[in-house]
Protein backbone atom coordinates (compact mmCIF):
# COMPACT_ATOMS: atom_id res chain seq x y z
CA UNK A 1 -6.36 188.05 82.64
CA UNK A 2 -5.94 185.06 84.74
CA UNK A 3 -2.95 183.14 85.62
CA UNK A 4 -2.98 179.32 86.69
CA UNK A 5 -0.45 176.72 87.72
CA UNK A 6 -2.23 173.69 88.08
CA UNK A 7 -4.14 171.40 85.72
CA UNK A 8 -7.25 171.05 87.75
CA UNK A 9 -7.87 175.02 88.04
CA UNK A 10 -7.18 175.23 84.29
CA UNK A 11 -9.61 172.57 83.44
CA UNK A 12 -12.26 174.33 85.60
CA UNK A 13 -11.92 177.46 83.76
CA UNK A 14 -12.11 175.65 80.41
CA UNK A 15 -15.06 173.77 81.05
CA UNK A 16 -16.77 176.73 82.13
CA UNK A 17 -15.92 178.55 79.20
CA UNK A 18 -17.09 175.63 76.86
CA UNK A 19 -20.54 175.47 78.69
CA UNK A 20 -20.80 179.03 77.51
CA UNK A 21 -20.29 178.00 73.98
CA UNK A 22 -16.99 179.91 73.83
CA UNK A 23 -14.23 178.97 71.49
CA UNK A 24 -10.93 178.40 72.80
CA UNK A 25 -7.38 179.16 71.20
CA UNK A 26 -4.19 178.05 72.72
CA UNK A 27 -0.77 179.44 71.96
CA UNK A 28 1.89 177.08 73.36
CA UNK A 29 5.04 178.62 74.39
CA UNK A 30 8.27 178.16 76.44
CA UNK A 31 7.94 181.80 77.75
CA UNK A 32 10.58 184.64 77.27
CA UNK A 33 7.86 185.95 74.74
CA UNK A 34 9.04 188.13 71.73
CA UNK A 35 7.30 189.56 68.74
CA UNK A 36 7.21 186.15 67.09
CA UNK A 37 5.03 184.95 70.11
CA UNK A 38 3.04 188.22 69.97
CA UNK A 39 2.01 187.66 66.31
CA UNK A 40 0.73 184.12 67.33
CA UNK A 41 -1.43 185.47 70.34
CA UNK A 42 -2.86 188.47 68.17
CA UNK A 43 -4.04 185.83 65.50
CA UNK A 44 -5.32 183.75 68.21
CA UNK A 45 -7.18 186.81 69.68
CA UNK A 46 -8.89 187.70 66.32
CA UNK A 47 -10.11 184.07 65.58
CA UNK A 48 -11.21 182.97 69.21
CA UNK A 49 -13.31 183.96 71.97
CA UNK A 50 -10.77 182.79 74.65
CA UNK A 51 -7.04 183.05 74.23
CA UNK A 52 -5.00 180.76 76.42
CA UNK A 53 -1.08 181.05 76.30
CA UNK A 54 1.10 178.33 77.93
CA UNK A 55 4.12 179.34 79.40
CA UNK A 56 6.27 176.46 80.40
CA UNK A 57 9.91 175.41 79.64
CA UNK A 58 9.29 171.78 78.70
CA UNK A 59 12.50 169.71 80.15
CA UNK A 60 11.52 166.58 78.00
CA UNK A 61 12.76 168.29 74.91
CA UNK A 62 16.14 169.12 76.01
CA UNK A 63 18.74 166.76 75.47
CA UNK A 64 21.89 166.11 77.52
CA UNK A 65 24.23 169.14 77.67
CA UNK A 66 21.53 171.31 75.91
CA UNK A 67 20.56 174.87 77.42
CA UNK A 68 17.53 173.67 79.75
CA UNK A 69 18.69 175.57 82.82
CA UNK A 70 20.32 178.53 80.89
CA UNK A 71 17.04 178.94 78.68
CA UNK A 72 15.91 182.70 79.38
CA UNK A 73 12.88 183.09 81.70
CA UNK A 74 10.93 186.20 82.69
CA UNK A 75 7.25 185.52 83.67
CA UNK A 76 6.50 189.01 84.71
CA UNK A 77 7.51 190.20 81.24
CA UNK A 78 5.62 187.44 79.63
CA UNK A 79 2.42 188.26 81.49
CA UNK A 80 2.71 192.01 80.84
CA UNK A 81 2.93 191.23 77.14
CA UNK A 82 0.11 188.69 77.15
CA UNK A 83 -2.18 191.12 79.00
CA UNK A 84 -1.36 193.95 76.76
CA UNK A 85 -2.59 191.90 73.73
CA UNK A 86 -5.61 190.70 75.29
CA UNK A 87 -5.08 187.05 76.44
CA UNK A 88 -7.48 185.65 79.00
CA UNK A 89 -5.34 183.06 80.51
CA UNK A 90 -1.65 182.07 81.16
CA UNK A 91 -1.23 178.60 82.10
CA UNK A 92 2.16 178.31 83.75
CA UNK A 93 2.79 174.81 85.26
CA UNK A 94 5.78 173.44 87.06
CA UNK A 95 7.32 170.04 85.41
CA UNK A 96 6.06 168.28 88.43
CA UNK A 97 2.65 169.37 87.56
CA UNK A 98 3.02 168.43 84.07
CA UNK A 99 4.79 165.10 84.49
CA UNK A 100 3.63 162.36 86.89
CA UNK A 101 5.27 159.48 84.92
CA UNK A 102 8.68 160.24 83.16
CA UNK A 103 7.95 157.16 81.08
CA UNK A 104 5.02 158.38 79.43
CA UNK A 105 5.68 159.88 75.85
CA UNK A 106 4.05 160.57 72.57
CA UNK A 107 6.29 159.95 69.77
CA UNK A 108 5.49 160.39 66.04
CA UNK A 109 8.67 158.90 64.49
CA UNK A 110 7.98 159.61 61.01
CA UNK A 111 9.00 163.19 59.94
CA UNK A 112 11.29 163.49 62.93
CA UNK A 113 14.52 161.58 61.70
CA UNK A 114 15.87 164.37 59.62
CA UNK A 115 16.80 168.28 60.07
CA UNK A 116 16.57 169.00 63.73
CA UNK A 117 15.52 165.56 64.70
CA UNK A 118 18.63 164.07 63.32
CA UNK A 119 20.88 165.93 65.75
CA UNK A 120 18.49 166.29 68.42
CA UNK A 121 16.82 162.76 68.87
CA UNK A 122 14.77 163.29 71.67
CA UNK A 123 13.56 166.62 70.89
CA UNK A 124 10.33 166.00 69.02
CA UNK A 125 9.16 163.23 71.37
CA UNK A 126 9.42 165.83 74.25
CA UNK A 127 7.49 168.07 71.88
CA UNK A 128 4.68 165.68 71.14
CA UNK A 129 4.17 164.65 74.58
CA UNK A 130 3.94 168.22 75.99
CA UNK A 131 1.66 169.55 73.29
CA UNK A 132 -0.53 166.41 73.65
CA UNK A 133 -0.85 167.13 77.33
CA UNK A 134 -1.80 170.98 76.82
CA UNK A 135 -4.16 169.66 74.17
CA UNK A 136 -6.02 167.50 76.72
CA UNK A 137 -5.83 169.97 79.47
CA UNK A 138 -6.84 173.17 77.56
CA UNK A 139 -9.32 171.50 74.76
CA UNK A 140 -8.73 174.21 72.27
CA UNK A 141 -10.57 174.52 68.88
CA UNK A 142 -7.50 175.96 67.43
CA UNK A 143 -3.88 175.95 68.29
CA UNK A 144 -1.10 178.35 67.24
CA UNK A 145 2.62 177.74 66.06
CA UNK A 146 4.98 179.60 64.02
CA UNK A 147 6.53 178.63 60.75
CA UNK A 148 9.95 179.23 62.07
CA UNK A 149 9.65 175.68 63.63
CA UNK A 150 8.66 174.20 60.44
CA UNK A 151 9.57 170.70 61.05
CA UNK A 152 7.79 170.94 64.51
CA UNK A 153 4.58 172.20 62.96
CA UNK A 154 4.67 169.47 60.31
CA UNK A 155 4.96 167.04 63.05
CA UNK A 156 2.20 168.39 65.26
CA UNK A 157 -0.04 168.51 62.22
CA UNK A 158 0.55 164.74 61.78
CA UNK A 159 0.05 164.10 65.37
CA UNK A 160 -3.25 165.79 65.42
CA UNK A 161 -4.31 163.60 62.32
CA UNK A 162 -2.89 160.42 63.65
CA UNK A 163 -4.31 160.76 67.10
CA UNK A 164 -7.68 162.28 66.04
CA UNK A 165 -7.30 165.37 67.94
CA UNK A 166 -10.44 167.70 66.97
CA UNK A 167 -8.18 170.59 66.78
CA UNK A 168 -7.32 173.07 64.05
CA UNK A 169 -3.59 173.67 63.56
CA UNK A 170 -2.73 177.19 62.46
CA UNK A 171 0.59 178.12 61.17
CA UNK A 172 1.70 181.59 61.33
CA UNK A 173 4.55 183.38 59.45
CA UNK A 174 8.15 183.81 60.52
CA UNK A 175 8.68 187.22 62.16
CA UNK A 176 11.97 189.06 61.70
CA UNK A 177 14.03 191.75 63.22
CA UNK A 178 14.42 195.02 60.77
CA UNK A 179 17.66 193.43 59.74
CA UNK A 180 16.09 190.15 58.55
CA UNK A 181 17.16 187.88 61.63
CA UNK A 182 14.29 185.74 62.68
CA UNK A 183 13.05 186.36 66.17
CA UNK A 184 14.12 183.72 68.79
CA UNK A 185 14.40 183.57 72.55
CA UNK A 186 17.80 182.27 71.93
CA UNK A 187 18.96 185.43 70.32
CA UNK A 188 19.50 186.83 73.79
CA UNK A 189 22.45 184.59 74.06
CA UNK A 190 24.38 186.47 71.27
CA UNK A 191 27.07 189.00 72.07
CA UNK A 192 27.10 192.14 69.69
CA UNK A 193 29.45 190.56 67.49
CA UNK A 194 27.54 187.30 67.21
CA UNK A 195 24.37 189.19 66.77
CA UNK A 196 25.83 190.69 63.44
CA UNK A 197 27.27 187.15 62.59
CA UNK A 198 23.85 185.63 62.64
CA UNK A 199 22.66 187.68 59.75
CA UNK A 200 24.32 184.92 57.59
CA UNK A 201 21.28 182.93 58.21
CA UNK A 202 18.75 185.24 56.84
CA UNK A 203 20.95 186.24 54.00
CA UNK A 204 21.34 182.63 52.91
CA UNK A 205 17.42 182.39 53.16
CA UNK A 206 16.98 185.42 50.76
CA UNK A 207 19.78 183.70 48.33
CA UNK A 208 17.83 180.32 48.43
CA UNK A 209 14.58 182.22 47.68
CA UNK A 210 16.25 184.23 44.76
CA UNK A 211 17.58 180.73 43.30
CA UNK A 212 14.72 178.28 43.88
CA UNK A 213 12.61 177.41 41.11
CA UNK A 214 10.63 174.24 39.55
CA UNK A 215 13.19 171.64 38.29
CA UNK A 216 16.41 173.12 39.96
CA UNK A 217 18.49 170.65 41.81
CA UNK A 218 19.03 170.93 45.58
CA UNK A 219 22.62 171.56 45.16
CA UNK A 220 21.94 174.54 43.13
CA UNK A 221 20.27 175.91 45.82
CA UNK A 222 22.01 174.63 48.92
CA UNK A 223 25.47 175.29 47.82
CA UNK A 224 25.36 179.11 47.50
CA UNK A 225 23.53 179.09 50.71
CA UNK A 226 26.15 177.31 52.42
CA UNK A 227 28.77 179.54 50.97
CA UNK A 228 27.23 182.54 52.45
CA UNK A 229 27.12 180.85 56.01
CA UNK A 230 30.77 179.52 55.64
CA UNK A 231 32.11 182.85 54.84
CA UNK A 232 31.20 183.95 58.24
CA UNK A 233 33.92 182.89 60.81
CA UNK A 234 31.62 182.69 63.91
CA UNK A 235 29.06 180.29 62.11
CA UNK A 236 29.37 176.48 61.99
CA UNK A 237 26.80 174.65 60.14
CA UNK A 238 24.69 171.84 61.99
CA UNK A 239 22.60 171.36 58.55
CA UNK A 240 21.22 173.36 55.61
CA UNK A 241 18.74 170.75 53.81
CA UNK A 242 16.17 170.76 51.14
CA UNK A 243 13.15 168.14 51.99
CA UNK A 244 9.75 167.37 50.86
CA UNK A 245 7.09 169.53 52.64
CA UNK A 246 5.14 166.69 53.46
CA UNK A 247 7.48 163.74 54.14
CA UNK A 248 10.43 165.95 55.58
CA UNK A 249 12.75 163.58 53.58
CA UNK A 250 15.68 165.03 51.66
CA UNK A 251 15.03 165.60 48.07
CA UNK A 252 17.32 166.18 44.99
CA UNK A 253 15.52 168.56 43.00
CA UNK A 254 12.43 170.96 43.31
CA UNK A 255 9.60 168.71 41.73
CA UNK A 256 6.97 169.31 44.49
CA UNK A 257 6.52 171.70 47.50
CA UNK A 258 9.61 171.63 49.48
CA UNK A 259 11.12 173.24 52.56
CA UNK A 260 14.80 174.77 52.67
CA UNK A 261 15.68 174.52 56.44
CA UNK A 262 18.83 175.27 58.17
CA UNK A 263 20.36 175.17 61.64
CA UNK A 264 23.66 176.86 62.23
CA UNK A 265 25.77 177.58 65.39
CA UNK A 266 26.75 181.32 65.87
CA UNK A 267 29.27 180.91 68.50
CA UNK A 268 27.73 178.44 71.11
CA UNK A 269 24.13 179.57 70.23
CA UNK A 270 22.11 177.01 67.71
CA UNK A 271 19.73 179.12 65.65
CA UNK A 272 17.11 177.95 62.82
CA UNK A 273 15.79 179.58 59.80
CA UNK A 274 13.91 178.47 56.59
CA UNK A 275 11.75 179.22 53.83
CA UNK A 276 9.02 177.10 51.86
CA UNK A 277 8.53 176.85 48.11
CA UNK A 278 5.34 175.81 46.51
CA UNK A 279 5.30 174.12 42.82
């Protein structure tokens, strides 16, 4: 497995692989890899000749007073995991390497004004920008993203369509701990007490999955979910919403495919979870 820190060296390797006719898969990450990331890398390994993992904490998707500086980092651990799964390259650039002009952004405004975009207004602009850069640097045939970040996945799919990227976007299922908590790098922020409290998210998801059906109103699904979360003293709801799976706009009832998504603070840590329902 190789490690690169520069765009020039990464492009050199990619161009050589392309000349050999090899297919390239990309798994964009912000590092501090867990089993959720590992599942993406394994899927990428199965479907491509070359596996590239980016390991970059992207500053442009963090707003003021968010956890950019505190975000967990452990490149040696990340490298060992990638090598054990069979990645061919880790691209680990610095912010200076990735951003020459701080005013050059890619923004897909539709789909980004609800859910996480409502309370993190610059987040998806930063995501689209860095993913666009990675697509241009690595030139992958396929790119892999987790469905836990469902709104991000929808926005990236639209960006690929709108900007004519010749890339297949592959969404992969949420990976959970044995007790149901969705795996996240931010889970490391939780104390033992907060870790137990965080189970209210997956419990709410399970309740929503039990209730949802064609024709049911959004409130009949969301209110019982909110009751579960609000019964946990350490939990504070950012949002619990039902949106159209394509437009990401709120819906009043289930008449088409929907996404039910939530963001909840457990203490100071913001966690997300979701489930989809297809009519």
